[in-house]
């Protein structure tokens, strides 16, 4: 069973003045998930970090226990993402 683990992810903008994500943690197993929250809650930032389109300030994203940065194209071959636009 595949897992996606988001471990201690933090991301700030405007030189640290705005926290988009603050030590966020979750383990996702196969299924359907939704991210709900008001504008500015960090949903898009989280998705961009998960898809490796944006670097987190700290923390790791692990796919089956391996860091996605090390997996490279092997990770992207199993990833599907469709943004709103």
N, C-alpha and C. Protein backbone atom coordinates (compact mmCIF):
# COMPACT_ATOMS: atom_id res chain seq x y z
N UNK A 1 0.84 -1.18 0.00
CA UNK A 1 0.00 0.00 0.00
C UNK A 1 0.89 1.25 0.00
N UNK A 2 0.67 2.12 -0.94
CA UNK A 2 1.45 3.35 -1.05
C UNK A 2 1.03 4.36 0.01
N UNK A 3 2.01 5.13 0.48
CA UNK A 3 1.72 6.20 1.42
C UNK A 3 2.44 7.47 0.98
N UNK A 4 1.82 8.58 1.28
CA UNK A 4 2.44 9.89 1.08
C UNK A 4 2.46 10.54 2.45
N UNK A 5 3.65 10.78 2.95
CA UNK A 5 3.79 11.37 4.27
C UNK A 5 4.34 12.78 4.14
N UNK A 6 3.62 13.72 4.70
CA UNK A 6 4.07 15.11 4.75
C UNK A 6 4.51 15.33 6.19
N UNK A 7 5.80 15.61 6.36
CA UNK A 7 6.39 15.63 7.69
C UNK A 7 7.00 17.00 8.01
N UNK A 8 6.38 17.69 8.98
CA UNK A 8 6.92 18.95 9.50
C UNK A 8 7.14 20.02 8.43
N UNK A 9 6.21 20.14 7.50
CA UNK A 9 6.34 21.10 6.41
C UNK A 9 6.01 22.51 6.90
N UNK A 10 6.93 23.42 6.65
CA UNK A 10 6.71 24.84 6.93
C UNK A 10 7.08 25.65 5.70
N UNK A 11 6.34 26.72 5.47
CA UNK A 11 6.62 27.62 4.35
C UNK A 11 6.17 29.01 4.73
N UNK A 12 7.04 29.98 4.52
CA UNK A 12 6.70 31.38 4.76
C UNK A 12 6.92 32.19 3.49
N UNK A 13 6.27 33.32 3.44
CA UNK A 13 6.44 34.27 2.34
C UNK A 13 6.78 35.63 2.93
N UNK A 14 7.18 36.54 2.08
CA UNK A 14 7.53 37.91 2.47
C UNK A 14 8.58 37.91 3.58
N UNK A 15 9.68 37.18 3.29
CA UNK A 15 10.83 37.10 4.21
C UNK A 15 10.43 36.66 5.61
N UNK A 16 9.53 35.69 5.68
CA UNK A 16 9.12 35.12 6.96
C UNK A 16 7.98 35.81 7.64
N UNK A 17 7.47 36.89 7.04
CA UNK A 17 6.39 37.66 7.69
C UNK A 17 5.03 36.97 7.60
N UNK A 18 4.84 36.14 6.58
CA UNK A 18 3.55 35.47 6.37
C UNK A 18 3.78 33.96 6.40
N UNK A 19 3.15 33.26 7.36
CA UNK A 19 3.24 31.80 7.44
C UNK A 19 2.12 31.18 6.63
N UNK A 20 2.51 30.42 5.61
CA UNK A 20 1.52 29.69 4.82
C UNK A 20 1.28 28.31 5.44
N UNK A 21 2.35 27.67 5.88
CA UNK A 21 2.27 26.36 6.53
C UNK A 21 3.21 26.38 7.73
N UNK A 22 2.76 25.83 8.83
CA UNK A 22 3.56 25.86 10.05
C UNK A 22 3.62 24.46 10.66
N UNK A 23 4.69 23.73 10.35
CA UNK A 23 4.92 22.41 10.93
C UNK A 23 3.74 21.45 10.65
N UNK A 24 3.33 21.38 9.39
CA UNK A 24 2.18 20.57 8.98
C UNK A 24 2.59 19.11 8.82
N UNK A 25 1.77 18.21 9.34
CA UNK A 25 2.03 16.77 9.27
C UNK A 25 0.76 16.02 8.89
N UNK A 26 0.91 15.03 8.01
CA UNK A 26 -0.20 14.14 7.68
C UNK A 26 0.38 12.92 6.96
N UNK A 27 -0.28 11.78 7.10
CA UNK A 27 0.06 10.57 6.34
C UNK A 27 -1.18 10.21 5.53
N UNK A 28 -1.02 10.12 4.21
CA UNK A 28 -2.12 9.81 3.30
C UNK A 28 -1.91 8.42 2.74
N UNK A 29 -2.95 7.60 2.83
CA UNK A 29 -2.96 6.27 2.24
C UNK A 29 -3.94 6.31 1.07
N UNK A 30 -4.00 5.27 0.24
CA UNK A 30 -4.90 5.31 -0.91
C UNK A 30 -6.33 5.70 -0.52
N UNK A 31 -6.90 6.60 -1.29
CA UNK A 31 -8.24 7.09 -1.03
C UNK A 31 -8.44 8.45 -1.66
N UNK A 32 -9.53 9.06 -1.37
CA UNK A 32 -9.85 10.38 -1.90
C UNK A 32 -9.82 11.38 -0.74
N UNK A 33 -9.11 12.46 -0.93
CA UNK A 33 -8.97 13.48 0.11
C UNK A 33 -9.34 14.84 -0.47
N UNK A 34 -9.77 15.72 0.39
CA UNK A 34 -10.06 17.10 -0.01
C UNK A 34 -9.40 18.06 0.95
N UNK A 35 -8.96 19.19 0.42
CA UNK A 35 -8.39 20.25 1.25
C UNK A 35 -9.40 21.39 1.27
N UNK A 36 -9.87 21.71 2.44
CA UNK A 36 -10.85 22.79 2.59
C UNK A 36 -10.28 23.86 3.50
N UNK A 37 -10.55 25.10 3.17
CA UNK A 37 -10.12 26.20 4.01
C UNK A 37 -10.31 27.51 3.28
N UNK A 38 -10.27 28.60 4.00
CA UNK A 38 -10.46 29.91 3.37
C UNK A 38 -9.24 30.28 2.52
N UNK A 39 -9.42 31.31 1.70
CA UNK A 39 -8.30 31.83 0.93
C UNK A 39 -7.16 32.19 1.87
N UNK A 40 -5.95 31.83 1.47
CA UNK A 40 -4.79 32.13 2.29
C UNK A 40 -4.47 31.10 3.35
N UNK A 41 -5.21 29.98 3.38
CA UNK A 41 -4.99 28.97 4.41
C UNK A 41 -3.78 28.08 4.14
N UNK A 42 -3.24 28.09 2.93
CA UNK A 42 -2.07 27.28 2.60
C UNK A 42 -2.36 26.07 1.74
N UNK A 43 -3.57 25.95 1.22
CA UNK A 43 -3.94 24.79 0.40
C UNK A 43 -3.10 24.69 -0.86
N UNK A 44 -3.03 25.77 -1.61
CA UNK A 44 -2.25 25.76 -2.86
C UNK A 44 -0.76 25.61 -2.58
N UNK A 45 -0.29 26.23 -1.53
CA UNK A 45 1.12 26.09 -1.15
C UNK A 45 1.43 24.63 -0.85
N UNK A 46 0.56 23.96 -0.09
CA UNK A 46 0.77 22.55 0.22
C UNK A 46 0.78 21.71 -1.05
N UNK A 47 -0.17 21.93 -1.94
CA UNK A 47 -0.21 21.15 -3.18
C UNK A 47 1.03 21.38 -4.03
N UNK A 48 1.51 22.60 -4.08
CA UNK A 48 2.72 22.89 -4.85
C UNK A 48 3.96 22.25 -4.23
N UNK A 49 4.00 22.11 -2.94
CA UNK A 49 5.11 21.41 -2.29
C UNK A 49 5.00 19.91 -2.55
N UNK A 50 3.79 19.35 -2.44
CA UNK A 50 3.58 17.92 -2.70
C UNK A 50 3.97 17.56 -4.13
N UNK A 51 3.67 18.44 -5.08
CA UNK A 51 3.97 18.16 -6.48
C UNK A 51 5.40 18.55 -6.87
N UNK A 52 6.17 19.01 -5.92
CA UNK A 52 7.57 19.41 -6.12
C UNK A 52 7.71 20.62 -7.06
N UNK A 53 6.68 21.45 -7.08
CA UNK A 53 6.74 22.70 -7.85
C UNK A 53 7.23 23.85 -6.98
N UNK A 54 7.31 23.64 -5.67
CA UNK A 54 7.71 24.67 -4.72
C UNK A 54 8.49 24.00 -3.60
N UNK A 55 9.56 24.64 -3.17
CA UNK A 55 10.35 24.09 -2.06
C UNK A 55 9.81 24.60 -0.73
N UNK A 56 9.70 23.69 0.22
CA UNK A 56 9.33 24.07 1.58
C UNK A 56 10.52 24.72 2.26
N UNK A 57 10.26 25.54 3.25
CA UNK A 57 11.35 26.11 4.05
C UNK A 57 11.97 25.02 4.92
N UNK A 58 11.13 24.11 5.41
CA UNK A 58 11.61 22.98 6.21
C UNK A 58 10.62 21.84 6.10
N UNK A 59 11.09 20.65 6.45
CA UNK A 59 10.25 19.47 6.41
C UNK A 59 10.51 18.61 5.19
N UNK A 60 9.78 17.50 5.10
CA UNK A 60 9.98 16.53 4.03
C UNK A 60 8.65 16.00 3.53
N UNK A 61 8.65 15.62 2.26
CA UNK A 61 7.53 14.88 1.67
C UNK A 61 8.11 13.53 1.27
N UNK A 62 7.50 12.46 1.81
CA UNK A 62 8.00 11.12 1.56
C UNK A 62 6.94 10.30 0.84
N UNK A 63 7.35 9.62 -0.22
CA UNK A 63 6.48 8.68 -0.92
C UNK A 63 7.02 7.29 -0.65
N UNK A 64 6.22 6.47 0.00
CA UNK A 64 6.64 5.13 0.43
C UNK A 64 7.97 5.18 1.18
N UNK A 65 8.12 6.18 2.04
CA UNK A 65 9.30 6.28 2.89
C UNK A 65 10.51 6.95 2.26
N UNK A 66 10.44 7.30 0.96
CA UNK A 66 11.57 7.93 0.27
C UNK A 66 11.25 9.39 0.00
N UNK A 67 12.25 10.24 0.18
CA UNK A 67 12.08 11.66 -0.07
C UNK A 67 11.80 11.88 -1.56
N UNK A 68 10.76 12.67 -1.87
CA UNK A 68 10.38 12.87 -3.27
C UNK A 68 11.48 13.57 -4.06
N UNK A 69 12.32 14.35 -3.41
CA UNK A 69 13.43 15.02 -4.11
C UNK A 69 14.40 14.00 -4.66
N UNK A 70 14.60 12.90 -3.95
CA UNK A 70 15.51 11.85 -4.40
C UNK A 70 14.86 10.97 -5.46
N UNK A 71 13.53 10.83 -5.41
CA UNK A 71 12.83 9.96 -6.36
C UNK A 71 12.75 10.58 -7.75
N UNK A 72 12.69 11.91 -7.83
CA UNK A 72 12.68 12.61 -9.12
C UNK A 72 11.59 12.14 -10.05
N UNK A 73 11.97 11.73 -11.27
CA UNK A 73 10.98 11.36 -12.29
C UNK A 73 10.18 10.12 -11.90
N UNK A 74 10.73 9.27 -11.07
CA UNK A 74 9.98 8.09 -10.61
C UNK A 74 8.77 8.52 -9.79
N UNK A 75 8.91 9.57 -9.00
CA UNK A 75 7.78 10.10 -8.23
C UNK A 75 6.76 10.75 -9.16
N UNK A 76 7.24 11.57 -10.06
CA UNK A 76 6.32 12.26 -10.97
C UNK A 76 5.55 11.30 -11.87
N UNK A 77 6.08 10.10 -12.11
CA UNK A 77 5.38 9.13 -12.96
C UNK A 77 4.15 8.53 -12.28
N UNK A 78 4.06 8.62 -10.94
CA UNK A 78 2.90 8.09 -10.22
C UNK A 78 1.99 9.20 -9.71
N UNK A 79 2.36 10.44 -9.94
CA UNK A 79 1.64 11.59 -9.41
C UNK A 79 0.66 12.13 -10.43
N UNK A 80 -0.54 12.42 -9.98
CA UNK A 80 -1.53 13.10 -10.81
C UNK A 80 -2.04 14.31 -10.06
N UNK A 81 -2.08 15.45 -10.74
CA UNK A 81 -2.55 16.69 -10.08
C UNK A 81 -3.24 17.54 -11.12
N UNK A 82 -4.46 17.99 -10.79
CA UNK A 82 -5.21 18.84 -11.69
C UNK A 82 -5.68 20.06 -10.92
N UNK A 83 -4.98 21.19 -11.07
CA UNK A 83 -5.40 22.40 -10.37
C UNK A 83 -6.69 22.95 -10.96
N UNK A 84 -7.28 23.90 -10.27
CA UNK A 84 -8.57 24.46 -10.68
C UNK A 84 -8.52 25.06 -12.08
N UNK A 85 -7.47 25.81 -12.38
CA UNK A 85 -7.41 26.44 -13.70
C UNK A 85 -6.99 25.43 -14.73
